[in-house]
Amino acid sequence: MNKWVDVSLLTIKLQRTYISFTDTEKIIFSNMDAKISDKLKFAAETDNVELLYDVIQDDPYVLENIDKQQFVQTPLHFAASMGHLRFATELMNLKPSFALKLNPQGFSPIHLAMKNLQFSPIHLVLKDIVLRFVDINKDVVKIKGKEGTLLHLAVQTGEVELLAKFLFACPESIEYLTARWETALHIAVKNEQYESLDVLVIWLKRNNQRGAKKLEKKILDQKDEEGNTILHLSALNSETQVTSL
């Protein structure tokens, strides 16, 4: 009887030792993951491509594991928002899907670069990043984030050159709406970005693609969440560029 008791106690002790060892392993691996994550973030923030590859050598699955998360702040978000062109380009080539990822706040890497453009001392660098992203993958123009698409952001901030670039890369983006049901033209009038409005109106007038007139009517008839079409807003603001359409 005592023999069986001793065996049972030994089994329990072994089980407890195994559980303890497993918990310790989890802590160790968690700390390792945290260190790798910190190194990757530091690499992005310092534009250090060499460190990026050091991290990949330490953990070949590090980028893949990040990519599995639906909403995540990737290293590309850090690099793009800070204007680190070399790191951003390298990482976008390694993991193209990162360019399409939204962070928990609802922004993609290129959205963050666009948002930082207006008041940043590195305006031209951020602009280069945006242009580079579009050249590498035109699908970034189609990403719908918290404040709409790149076209919406370009109109809102008056970035006319980028606005033209986005229209050329993705003509259908002129049809995209914000969560408030606004077209790019709505945003132009509401933000008094009349140069941007002029580009959009000229694009609609000169569009000779099949169905162009139908598209023009669709955009002009689109109502925002308050029930205003672009023509209503233009009339209220005495803006003749659209009312003359």
Protein backbone atom coordinates (compact mmCIF):
# COMPACT_ATOMS: atom_id res chain seq x y z
CA MET A 1 0.00 0.00 0.00
CA ASN A 2 2.76 2.37 0.92
CA LYS A 3 4.47 1.48 -2.29
CA TRP A 4 1.48 2.69 -4.34
CA VAL A 5 1.24 5.86 -2.27
CA ASP A 6 4.92 6.60 -2.90
CA VAL A 7 4.44 6.06 -6.63
CA SER A 8 1.42 8.38 -6.68
CA LEU A 9 3.29 11.08 -4.80
CA LEU A 10 6.19 10.75 -7.20
CA THR A 11 3.82 11.10 -10.15
CA ILE A 12 2.27 14.24 -8.67
CA LYS A 13 5.71 15.73 -8.03
CA LEU A 14 6.77 14.98 -11.61
CA GLN A 15 3.59 16.56 -12.95
CA ARG A 16 4.14 19.66 -10.82
CA THR A 17 7.74 19.87 -11.98
CA TYR A 18 6.60 19.57 -15.61
CA ILE A 19 3.97 22.28 -15.18
CA SER A 20 6.48 24.55 -13.49
CA PHE A 21 9.00 23.95 -16.26
CA THR A 22 6.40 24.70 -18.92
CA ASP A 23 5.44 27.99 -17.24
CA THR A 24 9.08 28.93 -17.03
CA GLU A 25 9.48 28.16 -20.71
CA LYS A 26 6.53 30.39 -21.50
CA ILE A 27 8.07 33.26 -19.55
CA ILE A 28 11.41 32.77 -21.27
CA PHE A 29 9.85 32.66 -24.74
CA SER A 30 7.66 35.65 -23.91
CA ASN A 31 10.71 37.64 -22.86
CA MET A 32 12.53 36.56 -26.02
CA ASP A 33 9.58 37.68 -28.16
CA ALA A 34 9.49 41.02 -26.35
CA LYS A 35 13.21 41.56 -26.93
CA ILE A 36 12.87 40.68 -30.62
CA SER A 37 9.86 42.99 -30.93
CA ASP A 38 11.79 45.83 -29.25
CA LYS A 39 14.77 45.29 -31.56
CA LEU A 40 12.51 45.33 -34.61
CA LYS A 41 10.81 48.54 -33.46
CA PHE A 42 14.20 50.11 -32.76
CA ALA A 43 15.41 49.10 -36.22
CA ALA A 44 12.38 50.78 -37.80
CA GLU A 45 12.74 53.93 -35.69
CA THR A 46 16.45 54.28 -36.53
CA ASP A 47 16.22 53.32 -40.22
CA ASN A 48 18.59 50.40 -39.53
CA VAL A 49 18.24 47.79 -42.27
CA GLU A 50 21.18 45.76 -40.97
CA LEU A 51 19.48 45.36 -37.59
CA LEU A 52 16.31 44.27 -39.39
CA TYR A 53 18.18 41.34 -40.90
CA ASP A 54 19.82 40.55 -37.56
CA VAL A 55 16.34 40.21 -36.06
CA ILE A 56 15.23 37.98 -38.93
CA GLN A 57 18.27 35.76 -38.37
CA ASP A 58 17.35 35.48 -34.69
CA ASP A 59 13.74 34.64 -35.56
CA PRO A 60 13.02 33.76 -39.22
CA TYR A 61 9.27 33.80 -38.50
CA VAL A 62 9.14 37.22 -36.86
CA LEU A 63 7.56 39.01 -39.85
CA GLU A 64 5.17 36.16 -40.55
CA ASN A 65 3.95 36.18 -36.95
CA ILE A 66 3.22 39.91 -37.15
CA ASP A 67 1.39 39.40 -40.43
CA LYS A 68 -1.00 36.90 -38.82
CA GLN A 69 -2.57 39.69 -36.75
CA GLN A 70 -5.49 41.47 -38.38
CA PHE A 71 -4.94 44.91 -36.82
CA VAL A 72 -1.33 45.54 -35.83
CA GLN A 73 1.25 48.32 -35.65
CA THR A 74 3.88 46.85 -37.96
CA PRO A 75 7.49 48.04 -38.22
CA LEU A 76 6.43 49.55 -41.54
CA HIS A 77 3.99 51.84 -39.71
CA PHE A 78 6.87 53.17 -37.58
CA ALA A 79 9.23 53.60 -40.54
CA ALA A 80 6.67 55.24 -42.84
CA SER A 81 5.42 57.70 -40.23
CA MET A 82 9.00 58.77 -39.43
CA GLY A 83 10.12 59.14 -43.04
CA HIS A 84 12.63 56.29 -43.06
CA LEU A 85 12.62 55.56 -46.78
CA ARG A 86 15.39 52.95 -46.93
CA PHE A 87 13.98 50.78 -44.15
CA ALA A 88 10.39 51.18 -45.39
CA THR A 89 11.32 50.18 -48.95
CA GLU A 90 13.35 47.19 -47.77
CA LEU A 91 10.58 45.94 -45.50
CA MET A 92 7.87 46.52 -48.09
CA ASN A 93 9.85 44.37 -50.54
CA LEU A 94 10.29 41.65 -47.90
CA LYS A 95 6.68 41.70 -46.71
CA PRO A 96 4.40 43.50 -49.21
CA SER A 97 1.30 42.67 -47.16
CA PHE A 98 2.49 45.01 -44.38
CA ALA A 99 1.67 47.97 -46.65
CA LEU A 100 -2.01 46.98 -46.58
CA LYS A 101 -2.23 46.41 -42.82
CA LEU A 102 -4.32 48.70 -40.62
CA ASN A 103 -3.11 49.40 -37.10
CA PRO A 104 -5.54 49.34 -34.13
CA GLN A 105 -6.28 53.04 -34.78
CA GLY A 106 -7.42 52.26 -38.33
CA PHE A 107 -4.44 53.56 -40.33
CA SER A 108 -2.13 51.85 -42.81
CA PRO A 109 1.57 52.80 -43.00
CA ILE A 110 0.99 55.08 -45.98
CA HIS A 111 -1.98 56.70 -44.23
CA LEU A 112 0.33 57.64 -41.35
CA ALA A 113 2.89 59.12 -43.77
CA MET A 114 0.12 61.16 -45.43
CA LYS A 115 -1.25 62.39 -42.09
CA ASN A 116 2.21 63.58 -41.02
CA LEU A 117 2.87 65.41 -44.30
CA GLN A 118 1.16 68.69 -43.65
CA PHE A 119 3.07 70.02 -40.65
CA SER A 120 6.21 67.88 -40.68
CA PRO A 121 9.71 69.35 -41.16
CA ILE A 122 10.48 66.24 -43.24
CA HIS A 123 7.60 66.92 -45.61
CA LEU A 124 9.55 66.05 -48.76
CA VAL A 125 10.89 62.79 -47.30
CA LEU A 126 7.38 61.68 -46.30
CA LYS A 127 6.14 62.64 -49.75
CA ASP A 128 8.88 60.48 -51.31
CA ILE A 129 7.75 57.56 -49.15
CA VAL A 130 4.15 57.96 -50.29
CA LEU A 131 5.22 58.07 -53.95
CA ARG A 132 7.51 55.06 -53.48
CA PHE A 133 4.73 53.02 -51.88
CA VAL A 134 2.39 53.74 -54.80
CA ASP A 135 5.10 52.85 -57.33
CA ILE A 136 5.74 49.51 -55.59
CA ASN A 137 2.10 48.59 -55.03
CA LYS A 138 -0.79 50.61 -56.50
CA ASP A 139 -3.24 48.73 -54.28
CA VAL A 140 -2.27 51.00 -51.38
CA VAL A 141 -4.42 53.69 -53.04
CA LYS A 142 -7.46 51.45 -52.50
CA ILE A 143 -6.97 50.99 -48.74
CA LYS A 144 -9.89 52.36 -46.75
CA GLY A 145 -8.77 53.48 -43.30
CA LYS A 146 -10.31 55.46 -40.48
CA GLU A 147 -10.45 58.74 -42.42
CA GLY A 148 -11.03 57.28 -45.86
CA THR A 149 -8.56 56.61 -48.65
CA LEU A 150 -5.33 58.29 -49.73
CA LEU A 151 -7.32 60.37 -52.21
CA HIS A 152 -9.49 61.71 -49.39
CA LEU A 153 -6.42 62.59 -47.31
CA ALA A 154 -4.68 64.25 -50.27
CA VAL A 155 -7.77 66.39 -50.96
CA GLN A 156 -8.14 67.29 -47.29
CA THR A 157 -4.54 68.50 -47.01
CA GLY A 158 -4.33 70.10 -50.46
CA GLU A 159 -1.60 67.79 -51.76
CA VAL A 160 -2.49 68.34 -55.42
CA GLU A 161 0.51 66.49 -56.88
CA LEU A 162 -0.27 63.40 -54.81
CA LEU A 163 -3.96 63.75 -55.61
CA ALA A 164 -3.17 63.53 -59.33
CA LYS A 165 -0.84 60.59 -58.71
CA PHE A 166 -3.56 58.67 -56.85
CA LEU A 167 -6.15 59.34 -59.56
CA PHE A 168 -3.75 58.12 -62.23
CA ALA A 169 -2.83 55.01 -60.24
CA CYS A 170 -6.42 54.19 -59.29
CA PRO A 171 -9.07 56.13 -61.27
CA GLU A 172 -11.92 54.33 -59.49
CA SER A 173 -10.81 55.90 -56.19
CA ILE A 174 -12.84 58.99 -57.12
CA GLU A 175 -15.92 56.85 -56.41
CA TYR A 176 -14.81 55.83 -52.91
CA LEU A 177 -16.72 57.21 -49.95
CA THR A 178 -15.71 57.96 -46.38
CA ALA A 179 -17.64 56.52 -43.43
CA ARG A 180 -19.66 59.75 -43.56
CA TRP A 181 -20.66 58.98 -47.19
CA GLU A 182 -18.49 61.78 -48.54
CA THR A 183 -16.85 61.81 -51.94
CA ALA A 184 -13.48 63.47 -52.47
CA LEU A 185 -15.39 66.48 -53.81
CA HIS A 186 -17.37 66.79 -50.58
CA ILE A 187 -14.11 66.87 -48.63
CA ALA A 188 -12.57 69.48 -50.93
CA VAL A 189 -15.47 71.90 -50.44
CA LYS A 190 -15.78 71.29 -46.69
CA ASN A 191 -12.06 71.97 -46.20
CA GLU A 192 -11.97 74.88 -48.69
CA GLN A 193 -9.36 73.08 -50.76
CA TYR A 194 -10.42 74.64 -54.03
CA GLU A 195 -7.27 73.77 -55.98
CA SER A 196 -7.92 70.12 -55.15
CA LEU A 197 -11.55 70.60 -56.13
CA ASP A 198 -10.45 72.09 -59.44
CA VAL A 199 -8.30 69.02 -60.21
CA LEU A 200 -11.20 66.67 -59.41
CA VAL A 201 -13.71 68.65 -61.49
CA ILE A 202 -11.33 68.87 -64.47
CA TRP A 203 -10.69 65.11 -64.18
CA LEU A 204 -14.44 64.43 -64.31
CA LYS A 205 -14.94 66.76 -67.29
CA ARG A 206 -12.04 65.33 -69.27
CA ASN A 207 -12.72 61.71 -68.45
CA ASN A 208 -13.55 60.07 -71.79
CA GLN A 209 -13.76 56.52 -70.56
CA ARG A 210 -16.86 54.48 -71.22
CA GLY A 211 -19.57 55.39 -68.72
CA ALA A 212 -17.92 58.73 -67.85
CA LYS A 213 -21.18 60.72 -67.91
CA LYS A 214 -22.90 58.14 -65.73
CA LEU A 215 -20.00 58.29 -63.26
CA GLU A 216 -20.10 62.08 -63.19
CA LYS A 217 -23.83 62.06 -62.41
CA LYS A 218 -23.34 59.38 -59.72
CA ILE A 219 -20.69 61.47 -57.94
CA LEU A 220 -22.63 64.74 -58.22
CA ASP A 221 -25.79 63.07 -56.90
CA GLN A 222 -24.05 61.37 -53.99
CA LYS A 223 -25.36 62.62 -50.63
CA ASP A 224 -23.26 62.74 -47.47
CA GLU A 225 -24.66 61.63 -44.10
CA GLU A 226 -26.38 65.01 -43.71
CA GLY A 227 -28.16 64.67 -47.06
CA ASN A 228 -26.01 67.18 -48.94
CA THR A 229 -24.80 66.59 -52.48
CA ILE A 230 -21.65 68.30 -53.69
CA LEU A 231 -23.88 70.73 -55.62
CA HIS A 232 -25.74 71.69 -52.43
CA LEU A 233 -22.49 72.35 -50.58
CA SER A 234 -21.06 74.32 -53.48
CA ALA A 235 -24.15 76.51 -53.68
CA LEU A 236 -23.98 77.21 -49.96
CA ASN A 237 -20.30 78.15 -50.29
CA SER A 238 -20.82 80.10 -53.55
CA GLU A 239 -18.34 77.75 -55.23
CA THR A 240 -18.92 77.98 -59.00
CA GLN A 241 -16.50 75.24 -60.12
CA VAL A 242 -19.06 72.52 -59.40
CA THR A 243 -22.33 74.44 -59.77
CA SER A 244 -21.34 75.07 -63.39
CA LEU A 245 -21.17 71.33 -64.13
